[in-house]
Amino acid sequence: MEKNKENFRVMADALSRAIGRLIEAQDQECTRIARELHDDIGASLAIVGFDLLNAGKPVSGSPGEKHPDIQRLYEKLQEIGSRISRLSNQLNPPMLKYFGLAKAVEIECKEFSEKRQIPVSYSYDNFMVKLDPVVALNVLRVVQEALCNAGKHSHATSVTVKISATSAGLTLAMSDNGVGFDVEQTNFGVGLGLITMRERMKLIGAEFEIWSQPGQGVKISCRAPLVQPGTVQTSHS
């Protein structure tokens, strides 16, 4: 009995630490976006506002120099709009709504490959089924996290991503040829990513498996339902 209590206490402590790390990661991400909105976007808009009040006028104390004209201010506003759109995409990617999961994952793989200079082999099968938006979003987040780990921690030189869907559910398979790691003894960065992925899959009632050994890369497998558990589907006749 005492041993069971001790095991329960250890498990509870581990769960508490994991939840704490997840909350900390979410807080850090919210802080980063808030800081970028305030320091970057906010400051840029303030400068554009000042320039609008003085558009085309001579700059005081600088003979021959003028404040930006309306055309240049328009170009600045377009650039600010692009930055706001990028931040918005990080919170809720619009490509899911307009293009679906298969295309969203393709775009994510392409952007990762261009940024990290790491080839990504991507394929998908039979994606005519309709996915619950919550399921699609969480699967995309798992792909993003796994790609991040491949580039940041695994130091992979190639990544493979495959998704398929049938009426029975959705399957995601990812692998890389990186340095790998001991799944049971991970550092904070990798460990937090694994916890996040597991929790996301648990949220949508999906199965999540990861395999890795030092020097042997990483393999991830997810099997998710098409609809989040507890979601009520309506049919139209």
C-alpha atoms as a PDB file:
ATOM      1  CA  MET A   1       0.000   0.000   0.000  1.00  0.00           C
ATOM      2  CA  GLU A   2       2.773   2.427   0.943  1.00  0.00           C
ATOM      3  CA  LYS A   3       4.607   1.580  -2.267  1.00  0.00           C
ATOM      4  CA  ASN A   4       1.480   2.321  -4.317  1.00  0.00           C
ATOM      5  CA  LYS A   5       1.087   5.658  -2.546  1.00  0.00           C
ATOM      6  CA  GLU A   6       4.705   6.513  -3.295  1.00  0.00           C
ATOM      7  CA  ASN A   7       4.295   5.563  -6.969  1.00  0.00           C
ATOM      8  CA  PHE A   8       1.155   7.675  -7.175  1.00  0.00           C
ATOM      9  CA  ARG A   9       2.970  10.620  -5.591  1.00  0.00           C
ATOM     10  CA  VAL A  10       5.856  10.313  -8.051  1.00  0.00           C
ATOM     11  CA  MET A  11       3.443  10.157 -11.004  1.00  0.00           C
ATOM     12  CA  ALA A  12       1.475  13.131  -9.689  1.00  0.00           C
ATOM     13  CA  ASP A  13       4.660  15.145  -9.260  1.00  0.00           C
ATOM     14  CA  ALA A  14       5.783  14.263 -12.797  1.00  0.00           C
ATOM     15  CA  LEU A  15       2.398  15.260 -14.213  1.00  0.00           C
ATOM     16  CA  SER A  16       2.467  18.517 -12.260  1.00  0.00           C
ATOM     17  CA  ARG A  17       5.913  19.360 -13.636  1.00  0.00           C
ATOM     18  CA  ALA A  18       4.804  18.503 -17.179  1.00  0.00           C
ATOM     19  CA  ILE A  19       1.731  20.716 -16.937  1.00  0.00           C
ATOM     20  CA  GLY A  20       3.868  23.482 -15.479  1.00  0.00           C
ATOM     21  CA  ARG A  21       6.274  23.249 -18.406  1.00  0.00           C
ATOM     22  CA  LEU A  22       3.386  23.374 -20.889  1.00  0.00           C
ATOM     23  CA  ILE A  23       1.929  26.439 -19.213  1.00  0.00           C
ATOM     24  CA  GLU A  24       5.353  28.062 -19.171  1.00  0.00           C
ATOM     25  CA  ALA A  25       5.826  27.372 -22.889  1.00  0.00           C
ATOM     26  CA  GLN A  26       2.395  28.786 -23.727  1.00  0.00           C
ATOM     27  CA  ASP A  27       3.078  31.871 -21.610  1.00  0.00           C
ATOM     28  CA  GLN A  28       6.418  32.380 -23.337  1.00  0.00           C
ATOM     29  CA  GLU A  29       4.783  32.152 -26.767  1.00  0.00           C
ATOM     30  CA  CYS A  30       2.030  34.601 -25.786  1.00  0.00           C
ATOM     31  CA  THR A  31       4.660  36.955 -24.347  1.00  0.00           C
ATOM     32  CA  ARG A  32       6.712  36.761 -27.556  1.00  0.00           C
ATOM     33  CA  ILE A  33       3.721  37.578 -29.758  1.00  0.00           C
ATOM     34  CA  ALA A  34       2.567  40.368 -27.418  1.00  0.00           C
ATOM     35  CA  ARG A  35       6.087  41.836 -27.401  1.00  0.00           C
ATOM     36  CA  GLU A  36       6.299  41.694 -31.183  1.00  0.00           C
ATOM     37  CA  LEU A  37       2.884  43.363 -31.507  1.00  0.00           C
ATOM     38  CA  HIS A  38       3.842  46.099 -29.051  1.00  0.00           C
ATOM     39  CA  ASP A  39       7.500  46.716 -29.821  1.00  0.00           C
ATOM     40  CA  ASP A  40       7.516  46.010 -33.549  1.00  0.00           C
ATOM     41  CA  ILE A  41       4.036  46.519 -34.963  1.00  0.00           C
ATOM     42  CA  GLY A  42       3.042  49.194 -32.446  1.00  0.00           C
ATOM     43  CA  ALA A  43       6.223  51.205 -32.958  1.00  0.00           C
ATOM     44  CA  SER A  44       5.952  50.923 -36.745  1.00  0.00           C
ATOM     45  CA  LEU A  45       2.356  52.159 -36.713  1.00  0.00           C
ATOM     46  CA  ALA A  46       3.347  55.085 -34.471  1.00  0.00           C
ATOM     47  CA  ILE A  47       6.055  56.095 -36.935  1.00  0.00           C
ATOM     48  CA  VAL A  48       3.643  55.826 -39.876  1.00  0.00           C
ATOM     49  CA  GLY A  49       1.114  57.937 -37.946  1.00  0.00           C
ATOM     50  CA  PHE A  50       3.718  60.635 -37.370  1.00  0.00           C
ATOM     51  CA  ASP A  51       4.759  60.545 -41.016  1.00  0.00           C
ATOM     52  CA  LEU A  52       1.114  60.824 -42.126  1.00  0.00           C
ATOM     53  CA  LEU A  53       0.796  64.087 -40.223  1.00  0.00           C
ATOM     54  CA  ASN A  54       3.871  65.398 -41.995  1.00  0.00           C
ATOM     55  CA  ALA A  55       3.637  63.614 -45.357  1.00  0.00           C
ATOM     56  CA  GLY A  56       5.664  65.390 -47.989  1.00  0.00           C
ATOM     57  CA  LYS A  57       6.656  68.253 -45.697  1.00  0.00           C
ATOM     58  CA  PRO A  58      10.311  69.329 -45.285  1.00  0.00           C
ATOM     59  CA  VAL A  59      12.131  67.743 -42.353  1.00  0.00           C
ATOM     60  CA  SER A  60      12.893  70.395 -39.739  1.00  0.00           C
ATOM     61  CA  GLY A  61      16.615  71.122 -39.520  1.00  0.00           C
ATOM     62  CA  SER A  62      17.427  69.054 -42.632  1.00  0.00           C
ATOM     63  CA  PRO A  63      17.340  71.249 -45.738  1.00  0.00           C
ATOM     64  CA  GLY A  64      16.240  69.390 -48.872  1.00  0.00           C
ATOM     65  CA  GLU A  65      14.974  66.350 -46.936  1.00  0.00           C
ATOM     66  CA  LYS A  66      11.255  65.568 -46.794  1.00  0.00           C
ATOM     67  CA  HIS A  67       9.057  63.232 -44.821  1.00  0.00           C
ATOM     68  CA  PRO A  68       7.836  60.151 -46.751  1.00  0.00           C
ATOM     69  CA  ASP A  69       5.103  60.836 -49.287  1.00  0.00           C
ATOM     70  CA  ILE A  70       1.778  58.992 -49.452  1.00  0.00           C
ATOM     71  CA  GLN A  71       3.130  56.293 -51.802  1.00  0.00           C
ATOM     72  CA  ARG A  72       5.984  55.416 -49.475  1.00  0.00           C
ATOM     73  CA  LEU A  73       3.623  55.390 -46.482  1.00  0.00           C
ATOM     74  CA  TYR A  74       1.291  53.046 -48.370  1.00  0.00           C
ATOM     75  CA  GLU A  75       4.204  50.676 -48.972  1.00  0.00           C
ATOM     76  CA  LYS A  76       5.096  50.816 -45.274  1.00  0.00           C
ATOM     77  CA  LEU A  77       1.516  49.950 -44.327  1.00  0.00           C
ATOM     78  CA  GLN A  78       1.541  46.996 -46.715  1.00  0.00           C
ATOM     79  CA  GLU A  79       4.724  45.698 -45.083  1.00  0.00           C
ATOM     80  CA  ILE A  80       3.206  46.107 -41.596  1.00  0.00           C
ATOM     81  CA  GLY A  81       0.115  44.261 -42.798  1.00  0.00           C
ATOM     82  CA  SER A  82       2.286  41.352 -43.920  1.00  0.00           C
ATOM     83  CA  ARG A  83       3.915  41.158 -40.488  1.00  0.00           C
ATOM     84  CA  ILE A  84       0.519  41.185 -38.757  1.00  0.00           C
ATOM     85  CA  SER A  85      -0.662  38.437 -41.109  1.00  0.00           C
ATOM     86  CA  ARG A  86       2.396  36.343 -40.210  1.00  0.00           C
ATOM     87  CA  LEU A  87       1.644  36.676 -36.504  1.00  0.00           C
ATOM     88  CA  SER A  88      -1.994  35.795 -37.119  1.00  0.00           C
ATOM     89  CA  ASN A  89      -0.931  32.704 -39.049  1.00  0.00           C
ATOM     90  CA  GLN A  90       1.067  31.526 -36.050  1.00  0.00           C
ATOM     91  CA  LEU A  91      -2.064  31.695 -33.885  1.00  0.00           C
ATOM     92  CA  ASN A  92      -4.559  30.161 -36.298  1.00  0.00           C
ATOM     93  CA  PRO A  93      -3.257  29.256 -39.774  1.00  0.00           C
ATOM     94  CA  PRO A  94      -5.815  30.369 -42.411  1.00  0.00           C
ATOM     95  CA  MET A  95      -4.485  27.810 -44.896  1.00  0.00           C
ATOM     96  CA  LEU A  96      -6.372  25.139 -42.929  1.00  0.00           C
ATOM     97  CA  LYS A  97      -9.673  26.887 -43.571  1.00  0.00           C
ATOM     98  CA  TYR A  98      -9.053  27.677 -47.213  1.00  0.00           C
ATOM     99  CA  PHE A  99      -6.881  24.766 -48.404  1.00  0.00           C
ATOM    100  CA  GLY A 100      -7.306  21.940 -45.878  1.00  0.00           C
ATOM    101  CA  LEU A 101      -4.787  19.975 -43.845  1.00  0.00           C
ATOM    102  CA  ALA A 102      -2.956  18.272 -46.713  1.00  0.00           C
ATOM    103  CA  LYS A 103      -2.082  21.579 -48.392  1.00  0.00           C
ATOM    104  CA  ALA A 104      -1.336  23.278 -45.059  1.00  0.00           C
ATOM    105  CA  VAL A 105       1.197  20.558 -44.185  1.00  0.00           C
ATOM    106  CA  GLU A 106       2.723  20.865 -47.675  1.00  0.00           C
ATOM    107  CA  ILE A 107       3.164  24.618 -47.195  1.00  0.00           C
ATOM    108  CA  GLU A 108       4.664  24.048 -43.730  1.00  0.00           C
ATOM    109  CA  CYS A 109       7.140  21.491 -45.093  1.00  0.00           C
ATOM    110  CA  LYS A 110       8.147  23.785 -47.949  1.00  0.00           C
ATOM    111  CA  GLU A 111       8.714  26.776 -45.659  1.00  0.00           C
ATOM    112  CA  PHE A 112      10.707  24.639 -43.205  1.00  0.00           C
ATOM    113  CA  SER A 113      12.868  23.233 -46.016  1.00  0.00           C
ATOM    114  CA  GLU A 114      13.583  26.706 -47.437  1.00  0.00           C
ATOM    115  CA  LYS A 115      14.372  28.187 -44.032  1.00  0.00           C
ATOM    116  CA  ARG A 116      16.489  25.322 -42.685  1.00  0.00           C
ATOM    117  CA  GLN A 117      17.913  24.116 -46.006  1.00  0.00           C
ATOM    118  CA  ILE A 118      16.802  20.580 -45.109  1.00  0.00           C
ATOM    119  CA  PRO A 119      15.069  18.468 -47.809  1.00  0.00           C
ATOM    120  CA  VAL A 120      11.586  17.303 -46.828  1.00  0.00           C
ATOM    121  CA  SER A 121       9.864  14.444 -48.667  1.00  0.00           C
ATOM    122  CA  TYR A 122       6.111  14.989 -48.317  1.00  0.00           C
ATOM    123  CA  SER A 123       3.243  12.840 -49.558  1.00  0.00           C
ATOM    124  CA  TYR A 124      -0.427  12.373 -48.802  1.00  0.00           C
ATOM    125  CA  ASP A 125      -3.103   9.853 -49.796  1.00  0.00           C
ATOM    126  CA  ASN A 126      -6.874  10.005 -50.192  1.00  0.00           C
ATOM    127  CA  PHE A 127      -7.620  13.351 -48.633  1.00  0.00           C
ATOM    128  CA  MET A 128     -11.180  13.736 -49.838  1.00  0.00           C
ATOM    129  CA  VAL A 129     -12.566  13.147 -46.325  1.00  0.00           C
ATOM    130  CA  LYS A 130     -13.723  16.053 -44.186  1.00  0.00           C
ATOM    131  CA  LEU A 131     -11.773  16.738 -40.991  1.00  0.00           C
ATOM    132  CA  ASP A 132     -12.885  18.364 -37.782  1.00  0.00           C
ATOM    133  CA  PRO A 133     -11.125  21.790 -37.644  1.00  0.00           C
ATOM    134  CA  VAL A 134      -9.811  21.035 -34.137  1.00  0.00           C
ATOM    135  CA  VAL A 135      -8.341  17.722 -35.316  1.00  0.00           C
ATOM    136  CA  ALA A 136      -6.750  19.383 -38.346  1.00  0.00           C
ATOM    137  CA  LEU A 137      -5.243  22.207 -36.274  1.00  0.00           C
ATOM    138  CA  ASN A 138      -3.702  19.873 -33.694  1.00  0.00           C
ATOM    139  CA  VAL A 139      -2.257  17.551 -36.340  1.00  0.00           C
ATOM    140  CA  LEU A 140      -0.717  20.577 -38.069  1.00  0.00           C
ATOM    141  CA  ARG A 141       0.748  21.746 -34.751  1.00  0.00           C
ATOM    142  CA  VAL A 142       2.320  18.310 -34.242  1.00  0.00           C
ATOM    143  CA  VAL A 143       3.885  18.528 -37.708  1.00  0.00           C
ATOM    144  CA  GLN A 144       5.240  21.999 -36.882  1.00  0.00           C
ATOM    145  CA  GLU A 145       6.689  20.827 -33.556  1.00  0.00           C
ATOM    146  CA  ALA A 146       8.254  17.718 -35.092  1.00  0.00           C
ATOM    147  CA  LEU A 147       9.829  19.765 -37.902  1.00  0.00           C
ATOM    148  CA  CYS A 148      11.157  22.245 -35.341  1.00  0.00           C
ATOM    149  CA  ASN A 149      12.731  19.409 -33.349  1.00  0.00           C
ATOM    150  CA  ALA A 150      14.228  17.923 -36.521  1.00  0.00           C
ATOM    151  CA  GLY A 151      15.955  21.187 -37.356  1.00  0.00           C
ATOM    152  CA  LYS A 152      16.819  22.417 -33.885  1.00  0.00           C
ATOM    153  CA  HIS A 153      17.639  19.284 -31.905  1.00  0.00           C
ATOM    154  CA  SER A 154      18.048  16.323 -34.283  1.00  0.00           C
ATOM    155  CA  HIS A 155      20.298  18.205 -36.753  1.00  0.00           C
ATOM    156  CA  ALA A 156      18.701  16.107 -39.486  1.00  0.00           C
ATOM    157  CA  THR A 157      19.707  16.375 -43.144  1.00  0.00           C
ATOM    158  CA  SER A 158      16.430  14.932 -44.429  1.00  0.00           C
ATOM    159  CA  VAL A 159      12.853  14.581 -43.189  1.00  0.00           C
ATOM    160  CA  THR A 160       9.949  12.464 -44.418  1.00  0.00           C
ATOM    161  CA  VAL A 161       6.295  13.377 -43.813  1.00  0.00           C
ATOM    162  CA  LYS A 162       3.283  11.342 -44.906  1.00  0.00           C
ATOM    163  CA  ILE A 163      -0.393  11.737 -44.059  1.00  0.00           C
ATOM    164  CA  SER A 164      -3.327   9.647 -45.199  1.00  0.00           C
ATOM    165  CA  ALA A 165      -7.010   9.575 -44.388  1.00  0.00           C
ATOM    166  CA  THR A 166      -9.886   7.137 -44.753  1.00  0.00           C
ATOM    167  CA  SER A 167     -13.345   6.979 -43.270  1.00  0.00           C
ATOM    168  CA  ALA A 168     -11.733   5.207 -40.289  1.00  0.00           C
ATOM    169  CA  GLY A 169      -9.387   8.070 -39.418  1.00  0.00           C
ATOM    170  CA  LEU A 170      -6.225   9.981 -40.202  1.00  0.00           C
ATOM    171  CA  THR A 171      -2.623   8.760 -40.016  1.00  0.00           C
ATOM    172  CA  LEU A 172       0.496  10.892 -39.752  1.00  0.00           C
ATOM    173  CA  ALA A 173       3.978   9.402 -40.092  1.00  0.00           C
ATOM    174  CA  MET A 174       7.162  11.459 -39.776  1.00  0.00           C
ATOM    175  CA  SER A 175      10.826  10.506 -39.615  1.00  0.00           C
ATOM    176  CA  ASP A 176      14.244  12.138 -39.826  1.00  0.00           C
ATOM    177  CA  ASN A 177      17.826  10.935 -40.105  1.00  0.00           C
ATOM    178  CA  GLY A 178      19.141  13.067 -37.260  1.00  0.00           C
ATOM    179  CA  VAL A 179      21.225  12.272 -34.204  1.00  0.00           C
ATOM    180  CA  GLY A 180      18.254  10.822 -32.331  1.00  0.00           C
ATOM    181  CA  PHE A 181      17.955  10.715 -28.558  1.00  0.00           C
ATOM    182  CA  ASP A 182      16.942   8.557 -25.608  1.00  0.00           C
ATOM    183  CA  VAL A 183      13.177   9.058 -25.349  1.00  0.00           C
ATOM    184  CA  GLU A 184      13.243   8.352 -21.606  1.00  0.00           C
ATOM    185  CA  GLN A 185      16.011  10.848 -20.891  1.00  0.00           C
ATOM    186  CA  THR A 186      15.427  14.005 -22.908  1.00  0.00           C
ATOM    187  CA  ASN A 187      16.533  17.567 -22.287  1.00  0.00           C
ATOM    188  CA  PHE A 188      14.097  20.392 -21.598  1.00  0.00           C
ATOM    189  CA  GLY A 189      13.664  21.519 -25.188  1.00  0.00           C
ATOM    190  CA  VAL A 190      13.007  18.133 -26.758  1.00  0.00           C
ATOM    191  CA  GLY A 191      11.114  16.853 -23.720  1.00  0.00           C
ATOM    192  CA  LEU A 192       8.749  19.808 -23.713  1.00  0.00           C
ATOM    193  CA  GLY A 193       8.062  19.319 -27.411  1.00  0.00           C
ATOM    194  CA  LEU A 194       7.186  15.657 -26.866  1.00  0.00           C
ATOM    195  CA  ILE A 195       4.842  16.522 -24.007  1.00  0.00           C
ATOM    196  CA  THR A 196       3.134  19.133 -26.160  1.00  0.00           C
ATOM    197  CA  MET A 197       2.648  16.693 -29.036  1.00  0.00           C
ATOM    198  CA  ARG A 198       1.311  13.962 -26.759  1.00  0.00           C
ATOM    199  CA  GLU A 199      -1.112  16.344 -25.075  1.00  0.00           C
ATOM    200  CA  ARG A 200      -2.378  17.634 -28.410  1.00  0.00           C
ATOM    201  CA  MET A 201      -3.039  14.095 -29.624  1.00  0.00           C
ATOM    202  CA  LYS A 202      -4.734  13.212 -26.333  1.00  0.00           C
ATOM    203  CA  LEU A 203      -6.974  16.256 -26.756  1.00  0.00           C
ATOM    204  CA  ILE A 204      -8.384  14.900 -30.018  1.00  0.00           C
ATOM    205  CA  GLY A 205      -8.505  11.259 -28.908  1.00  0.00           C
ATOM    206  CA  ALA A 206      -5.549  10.232 -31.088  1.00  0.00           C
ATOM    207  CA  GLU A 207      -2.816   7.649 -30.597  1.00  0.00           C
ATOM    208  CA  PHE A 208       0.733   8.988 -30.485  1.00  0.00           C
ATOM    209  CA  GLU A 209       3.938   6.955 -30.712  1.00  0.00           C
ATOM    210  CA  ILE A 210       7.549   8.059 -30.945  1.00  0.00           C
ATOM    211  CA  TRP A 211      10.651   5.979 -31.483  1.00  0.00           C
ATOM    212  CA  SER A 212      14.239   7.165 -31.279  1.00  0.00           C
ATOM    213  CA  GLN A 213      17.687   6.021 -30.269  1.00  0.00           C
ATOM    214  CA  PRO A 214      20.957   7.975 -30.215  1.00  0.00           C
ATOM    215  CA  GLY A 215      22.356   8.039 -33.740  1.00  0.00           C
ATOM    216  CA  GLN A 216      19.228   6.516 -35.309  1.00  0.00           C
ATOM    217  CA  GLY A 217      16.962   9.472 -35.992  1.00  0.00           C
ATOM    218  CA  VAL A 218      13.361   9.926 -34.899  1.00  0.00           C
ATOM    219  CA  LYS A 219      10.103   8.319 -36.027  1.00  0.00           C
ATOM    220  CA  ILE A 220       6.668   9.650 -35.083  1.00  0.00           C
ATOM    221  CA  SER A 221       3.317   7.998 -35.703  1.00  0.00           C
ATOM    222  CA  CYS A 222      -0.132   9.486 -35.015  1.00  0.00           C
ATOM    223  CA  ARG A 223      -3.538   7.923 -35.613  1.00  0.00           C
ATOM    224  CA  ALA A 224      -6.370  10.384 -35.143  1.00  0.00           C
ATOM    225  CA  PRO A 225     -10.144  10.279 -35.567  1.00  0.00           C
ATOM    226  CA  LEU A 226     -11.721  12.501 -38.197  1.00  0.00           C
ATOM    227  CA  VAL A 227     -13.831  14.171 -35.529  1.00  0.00           C
ATOM    228  CA  GLN A 228     -12.811  15.313 -32.050  1.00  0.00           C
ATOM    229  CA  PRO A 229     -14.382  13.121 -29.313  1.00  0.00           C
ATOM    230  CA  GLY A 230     -17.537  14.661 -27.933  1.00  0.00           C
ATOM    231  CA  THR A 231     -18.233  16.656 -31.087  1.00  0.00           C
ATOM    232  CA  VAL A 232     -21.809  16.463 -32.269  1.00  0.00           C
ATOM    233  CA  GLN A 233     -22.115  16.021 -36.001  1.00  0.00           C
ATOM    234  CA  THR A 234     -25.136  17.285 -37.824  1.00  0.00           C
ATOM    235  CA  SER A 235     -26.402  16.020 -41.122  1.00  0.00           C
ATOM    236  CA  HIS A 236     -28.368  17.882 -43.717  1.00  0.00           C
ATOM    237  CA  SER A 237     -30.904  16.134 -45.889  1.00  0.00           C
END
